[in-house]
Amino acid sequence: MADRHIEPDTPELRARWGSFVWTAENAEKAKEIIARYPAGRQRSAVMPLLDLAQRQVGAEENTQGWLPIPVMEYVARALDMPIIRVVEVATFYTMYNIAPIGRFHVQVCGTTP
């Protein structure tokens, strides 16, 4: 498997994504997602919120989407959790793109016998 590295946090990246906020539709979805979890366990919504954020970024860029650092920080603030916990989830699961990708993303399994 190829190495996965987070896109470096640059001033250009901050200029583009530093003001990220949910769209009106996604804000409503985020509230619904967080409401699924019992009081005190809202941090469990990190995976669906990262997916929602990645889809929103993809819609804005007309790509498959990815998770810039400022977007992960936004999700962390929404869930009142440390950014490192969000980054750990985003870097562990390959379903989250942590660097820009194109409109089409093809992955090939390298573990077939």
N, C-alpha and C. Protein backbone atom coordinates (compact mmCIF):
# COMPACT_ATOMS: atom_id res chain seq x y z
N MET A 1 0.84 -1.17 0.00
CA MET A 1 0.00 0.00 0.00
C MET A 1 0.89 1.24 0.00
N ALA A 2 0.45 2.24 -0.70
CA ALA A 2 1.21 3.48 -0.77
C ALA A 2 1.18 4.21 0.57
N ASP A 3 2.25 4.95 0.83
CA ASP A 3 2.28 5.76 2.05
C ASP A 3 1.20 6.83 1.98
N ARG A 4 0.60 7.09 3.12
CA ARG A 4 -0.42 8.15 3.21
C ARG A 4 0.15 9.28 4.04
N HIS A 5 0.18 10.46 3.45
CA HIS A 5 0.68 11.63 4.15
C HIS A 5 -0.35 12.74 4.07
N ILE A 6 -0.54 13.42 5.19
CA ILE A 6 -1.45 14.56 5.21
C ILE A 6 -0.86 15.70 4.40
N GLU A 7 -1.72 16.39 3.68
CA GLU A 7 -1.30 17.57 2.94
C GLU A 7 -0.76 18.60 3.94
N PRO A 8 0.43 19.15 3.70
CA PRO A 8 1.01 20.12 4.64
C PRO A 8 0.09 21.32 4.86
N ASP A 9 0.11 21.82 6.08
CA ASP A 9 -0.70 22.98 6.47
C ASP A 9 0.03 24.25 6.04
N THR A 10 -0.38 24.81 4.93
CA THR A 10 0.28 25.99 4.37
C THR A 10 -0.64 27.21 4.45
N PRO A 11 -0.09 28.41 4.29
CA PRO A 11 -0.95 29.60 4.27
C PRO A 11 -1.99 29.55 3.15
N GLU A 12 -1.62 28.98 2.01
CA GLU A 12 -2.57 28.87 0.90
C GLU A 12 -3.73 27.94 1.27
N LEU A 13 -3.41 26.85 1.94
CA LEU A 13 -4.43 25.90 2.38
C LEU A 13 -5.36 26.58 3.39
N ARG A 14 -4.79 27.34 4.31
CA ARG A 14 -5.58 28.07 5.31
C ARG A 14 -6.45 29.13 4.64
N ALA A 15 -5.90 29.79 3.61
CA ALA A 15 -6.68 30.82 2.91
C ALA A 15 -7.90 30.20 2.23
N ARG A 16 -7.72 29.02 1.66
CA ARG A 16 -8.82 28.37 0.94
C ARG A 16 -9.82 27.72 1.88
N TRP A 17 -9.35 27.00 2.91
CA TRP A 17 -10.25 26.19 3.73
C TRP A 17 -10.41 26.67 5.16
N GLY A 18 -9.73 27.72 5.55
CA GLY A 18 -9.79 28.21 6.93
C GLY A 18 -11.17 28.69 7.36
N SER A 19 -11.99 29.08 6.40
CA SER A 19 -13.32 29.58 6.73
C SER A 19 -14.40 28.54 6.43
N PHE A 20 -14.03 27.26 6.42
CA PHE A 20 -14.98 26.19 6.13
C PHE A 20 -16.11 26.17 7.15
N VAL A 21 -17.33 26.10 6.66
CA VAL A 21 -18.52 25.90 7.48
C VAL A 21 -19.46 24.99 6.72
N TRP A 22 -20.34 24.31 7.44
CA TRP A 22 -21.31 23.45 6.79
C TRP A 22 -22.23 24.28 5.89
N THR A 23 -22.67 23.69 4.80
CA THR A 23 -23.75 24.31 4.04
C THR A 23 -25.01 24.17 4.88
N ALA A 24 -26.05 24.87 4.52
CA ALA A 24 -27.30 24.80 5.31
C ALA A 24 -27.82 23.37 5.37
N GLU A 25 -27.76 22.68 4.25
CA GLU A 25 -28.23 21.28 4.20
C GLU A 25 -27.36 20.38 5.06
N ASN A 26 -26.05 20.55 4.95
CA ASN A 26 -25.13 19.70 5.73
C ASN A 26 -25.17 20.05 7.21
N ALA A 27 -25.46 21.29 7.55
CA ALA A 27 -25.59 21.65 8.97
C ALA A 27 -26.75 20.89 9.59
N GLU A 28 -27.81 20.77 8.84
CA GLU A 28 -28.97 20.01 9.32
C GLU A 28 -28.62 18.52 9.46
N LYS A 29 -27.91 17.98 8.46
CA LYS A 29 -27.48 16.58 8.52
C LYS A 29 -26.55 16.35 9.70
N ALA A 30 -25.63 17.29 9.94
CA ALA A 30 -24.69 17.14 11.06
C ALA A 30 -25.43 17.10 12.39
N LYS A 31 -26.45 17.95 12.55
CA LYS A 31 -27.25 17.92 13.78
C LYS A 31 -27.94 16.57 13.96
N GLU A 32 -28.47 16.04 12.86
CA GLU A 32 -29.14 14.73 12.91
C GLU A 32 -28.15 13.63 13.29
N ILE A 33 -26.96 13.68 12.71
CA ILE A 33 -25.94 12.68 12.98
C ILE A 33 -25.54 12.72 14.45
N ILE A 34 -25.26 13.91 14.97
CA ILE A 34 -24.84 14.05 16.36
C ILE A 34 -25.96 13.61 17.31
N ALA A 35 -27.20 13.87 16.93
CA ALA A 35 -28.34 13.50 17.78
C ALA A 35 -28.52 12.00 17.91
N ARG A 36 -27.93 11.22 17.04
CA ARG A 36 -28.04 9.75 17.11
C ARG A 36 -27.31 9.16 18.32
N TYR A 37 -26.38 9.92 18.86
CA TYR A 37 -25.53 9.41 19.93
C TYR A 37 -26.00 9.93 21.28
N PRO A 38 -25.90 9.09 22.32
CA PRO A 38 -26.36 9.53 23.65
C PRO A 38 -25.50 10.66 24.21
N ALA A 39 -26.07 11.36 25.16
CA ALA A 39 -25.36 12.47 25.80
C ALA A 39 -24.01 12.01 26.33
N GLY A 40 -22.99 12.78 26.05
CA GLY A 40 -21.64 12.43 26.48
C GLY A 40 -20.89 11.55 25.50
N ARG A 41 -21.57 11.07 24.48
CA ARG A 41 -20.95 10.18 23.48
C ARG A 41 -20.99 10.77 22.08
N GLN A 42 -21.18 12.08 21.98
CA GLN A 42 -21.29 12.70 20.67
C GLN A 42 -20.01 12.60 19.85
N ARG A 43 -18.88 12.41 20.52
CA ARG A 43 -17.61 12.27 19.79
C ARG A 43 -17.61 11.05 18.88
N SER A 44 -18.49 10.12 19.14
CA SER A 44 -18.61 8.94 18.29
C SER A 44 -19.07 9.29 16.89
N ALA A 45 -19.57 10.49 16.69
CA ALA A 45 -20.05 10.93 15.38
C ALA A 45 -18.90 11.38 14.48
N VAL A 46 -17.67 11.21 14.90
CA VAL A 46 -16.53 11.72 14.13
C VAL A 46 -16.47 11.10 12.73
N MET A 47 -16.71 9.81 12.60
CA MET A 47 -16.60 9.19 11.27
C MET A 47 -17.67 9.70 10.30
N PRO A 48 -18.95 9.71 10.68
CA PRO A 48 -19.92 10.24 9.72
C PRO A 48 -19.74 11.73 9.42
N LEU A 49 -19.26 12.50 10.40
CA LEU A 49 -19.04 13.92 10.14
C LEU A 49 -17.84 14.14 9.21
N LEU A 50 -16.81 13.32 9.35
CA LEU A 50 -15.68 13.41 8.41
C LEU A 50 -16.13 13.06 7.00
N ASP A 51 -16.97 12.05 6.89
CA ASP A 51 -17.50 11.68 5.57
C ASP A 51 -18.31 12.83 4.99
N LEU A 52 -19.16 13.43 5.79
CA LEU A 52 -19.97 14.55 5.34
C LEU A 52 -19.08 15.72 4.90
N ALA A 53 -18.05 16.01 5.67
CA ALA A 53 -17.12 17.09 5.33
C ALA A 53 -16.39 16.79 4.03
N GLN A 54 -15.93 15.55 3.87
CA GLN A 54 -15.22 15.17 2.65
C GLN A 54 -16.13 15.31 1.44
N ARG A 55 -17.39 14.93 1.59
CA ARG A 55 -18.34 15.06 0.48
C ARG A 55 -18.59 16.53 0.14
N GLN A 56 -18.66 17.38 1.16
CA GLN A 56 -18.88 18.81 0.91
C GLN A 56 -17.69 19.41 0.18
N VAL A 57 -16.48 19.07 0.61
CA VAL A 57 -15.27 19.57 -0.07
C VAL A 57 -15.26 19.07 -1.51
N GLY A 58 -15.62 17.82 -1.71
CA GLY A 58 -15.67 17.27 -3.07
C GLY A 58 -16.69 17.98 -3.95
N ALA A 59 -17.83 18.31 -3.38
CA ALA A 59 -18.85 19.02 -4.14
C ALA A 59 -18.37 20.41 -4.53
N GLU A 60 -17.62 21.06 -3.64
CA GLU A 60 -17.10 22.40 -3.93
C GLU A 60 -16.01 22.36 -5.00
N GLU A 61 -15.23 21.27 -5.02
CA GLU A 61 -14.11 21.18 -5.96
C GLU A 61 -14.42 20.34 -7.19
N ASN A 62 -15.59 19.70 -7.22
CA ASN A 62 -15.96 18.78 -8.29
C ASN A 62 -14.95 17.63 -8.39
N THR A 63 -14.61 17.07 -7.21
CA THR A 63 -13.70 15.93 -7.13
C THR A 63 -14.31 14.90 -6.19
N GLN A 64 -13.54 13.88 -5.84
CA GLN A 64 -13.98 12.89 -4.86
C GLN A 64 -13.96 13.45 -3.44
N GLY A 65 -13.27 14.57 -3.25
CA GLY A 65 -13.20 15.20 -1.94
C GLY A 65 -12.00 14.74 -1.14
N TRP A 66 -11.65 15.57 -0.17
CA TRP A 66 -10.54 15.25 0.73
C TRP A 66 -10.72 16.08 2.00
N LEU A 67 -9.86 15.86 2.98
CA LEU A 67 -10.00 16.51 4.28
C LEU A 67 -8.77 17.37 4.60
N PRO A 68 -8.82 18.66 4.26
CA PRO A 68 -7.73 19.56 4.65
C PRO A 68 -7.72 19.73 6.17
N ILE A 69 -6.59 20.10 6.72
CA ILE A 69 -6.45 20.30 8.17
C ILE A 69 -7.51 21.26 8.73
N PRO A 70 -7.77 22.43 8.10
CA PRO A 70 -8.79 23.31 8.67
C PRO A 70 -10.18 22.68 8.73
N VAL A 71 -10.48 21.80 7.79
CA VAL A 71 -11.78 21.12 7.80
C VAL A 71 -11.82 20.12 8.96
N MET A 72 -10.72 19.40 9.18
CA MET A 72 -10.67 18.48 10.32
C MET A 72 -10.77 19.26 11.64
N GLU A 73 -10.17 20.44 11.70
CA GLU A 73 -10.28 21.28 12.89
C GLU A 73 -11.73 21.70 13.12
N TYR A 74 -12.44 21.99 12.05
CA TYR A 74 -13.86 22.38 12.15
C TYR A 74 -14.68 21.23 12.74
N VAL A 75 -14.43 20.01 12.26
CA VAL A 75 -15.13 18.83 12.78
C VAL A 75 -14.78 18.63 14.25
N ALA A 76 -13.50 18.81 14.61
CA ALA A 76 -13.08 18.66 16.01
C ALA A 76 -13.79 19.66 16.91
N ARG A 77 -13.91 20.90 16.46
CA ARG A 77 -14.63 21.91 17.25
C ARG A 77 -16.10 21.56 17.38
N ALA A 78 -16.70 21.05 16.32
CA ALA A 78 -18.12 20.69 16.35
C ALA A 78 -18.39 19.59 17.36
N LEU A 79 -17.40 18.71 17.57
CA LEU A 79 -17.57 17.60 18.49
C LEU A 79 -16.87 17.83 19.83
N ASP A 80 -16.28 18.98 20.00
CA ASP A 80 -15.57 19.33 21.24
C ASP A 80 -14.55 18.25 21.59
N MET A 81 -13.69 17.96 20.61
CA MET A 81 -12.64 16.97 20.84
C MET A 81 -11.31 17.49 20.30
N PRO A 82 -10.20 16.96 20.79
CA PRO A 82 -8.89 17.42 20.31
C PRO A 82 -8.70 17.08 18.83
N ILE A 83 -8.07 17.98 18.12
CA ILE A 83 -7.84 17.79 16.68
C ILE A 83 -7.05 16.51 16.41
N ILE A 84 -6.15 16.14 17.30
CA ILE A 84 -5.34 14.94 17.07
C ILE A 84 -6.21 13.70 16.97
N ARG A 85 -7.30 13.64 17.71
CA ARG A 85 -8.20 12.48 17.65
C ARG A 85 -8.89 12.40 16.29
N VAL A 86 -9.24 13.54 15.74
CA VAL A 86 -9.86 13.57 14.42
C VAL A 86 -8.83 13.16 13.36
N VAL A 87 -7.62 13.67 13.48
CA VAL A 87 -6.56 13.32 12.54
C VAL A 87 -6.25 11.82 12.61
N GLU A 88 -6.25 11.26 13.82
CA GLU A 88 -6.00 9.83 13.96
C GLU A 88 -7.03 9.02 13.19
N VAL A 89 -8.28 9.39 13.28
CA VAL A 89 -9.33 8.67 12.56
C VAL A 89 -9.16 8.85 11.05
N ALA A 90 -8.94 10.08 10.62
CA ALA A 90 -8.81 10.36 9.19
C ALA A 90 -7.62 9.66 8.56
N THR A 91 -6.52 9.54 9.30
CA THR A 91 -5.34 8.89 8.73
C THR A 91 -5.40 7.38 8.82
N PHE A 92 -6.19 6.84 9.74
CA PHE A 92 -6.27 5.39 9.90
C PHE A 92 -7.13 4.76 8.80
N TYR A 93 -8.26 5.35 8.51
CA TYR A 93 -9.19 4.76 7.55
C TYR A 93 -8.91 5.28 6.15
N THR A 94 -8.75 4.36 5.19
CA THR A 94 -8.45 4.76 3.82
C THR A 94 -9.66 5.34 3.09
N MET A 95 -10.83 5.28 3.70
CA MET A 95 -12.00 5.89 3.06
C MET A 95 -11.92 7.41 3.09
N TYR A 96 -11.05 7.95 3.95
CA TYR A 96 -10.86 9.39 4.02
C TYR A 96 -9.62 9.77 3.24
N ASN A 97 -9.76 10.73 2.35
CA ASN A 97 -8.63 11.22 1.57
C ASN A 97 -8.01 12.38 2.33
N ILE A 98 -6.73 12.28 2.63
CA ILE A 98 -6.06 13.29 3.44
C ILE A 98 -5.15 14.18 2.60
N ALA A 99 -5.22 14.01 1.30
CA ALA A 99 -4.52 14.86 0.35
C ALA A 99 -5.44 15.03 -0.86
N PRO A 100 -5.28 16.10 -1.61
CA PRO A 100 -6.17 16.31 -2.76
C PRO A 100 -6.08 15.16 -3.77
N ILE A 101 -7.22 14.80 -4.28
CA ILE A 101 -7.27 13.79 -5.34
C ILE A 101 -8.13 14.33 -6.47
N GLY A 102 -8.14 13.62 -7.56
CA GLY A 102 -8.89 14.07 -8.72
C GLY A 102 -10.35 13.69 -8.69
N ARG A 103 -10.96 13.85 -9.83
CA ARG A 103 -12.39 13.56 -9.95
C ARG A 103 -12.65 12.06 -9.87
N PHE A 104 -11.74 11.28 -10.40
CA PHE A 104 -11.86 9.83 -10.36
C PHE A 104 -10.71 9.27 -9.53
N HIS A 105 -11.01 8.34 -8.66
CA HIS A 105 -10.02 7.78 -7.76
C HIS A 105 -10.12 6.26 -7.84
N VAL A 106 -9.09 5.64 -8.37
CA VAL A 106 -9.08 4.18 -8.53
C VAL A 106 -8.09 3.60 -7.53
N GLN A 107 -8.54 2.62 -6.76
CA GLN A 107 -7.65 1.93 -5.83
C GLN A 107 -7.62 0.47 -6.22
N VAL A 108 -6.46 -0.15 -6.09
CA VAL A 108 -6.28 -1.55 -6.43
C VAL A 108 -5.78 -2.28 -5.19
N CYS A 109 -6.40 -3.40 -4.89
CA CYS A 109 -5.98 -4.19 -3.75
C CYS A 109 -4.66 -4.88 -4.09
N GLY A 110 -3.70 -4.74 -3.22
CA GLY A 110 -2.40 -5.36 -3.45
C GLY A 110 -2.18 -6.61 -2.64
N THR A 111 -3.25 -7.16 -2.05
CA THR A 111 -3.09 -8.35 -1.19
C THR A 111 -3.63 -9.62 -1.80
N THR A 112 -4.03 -9.57 -3.07
CA THR A 112 -4.54 -10.80 -3.68
C THR A 112 -3.41 -11.80 -3.88
N PRO A 113 -3.69 -13.08 -3.69
CA PRO A 113 -2.64 -14.10 -3.83
C PRO A 113 -2.14 -14.22 -5.25
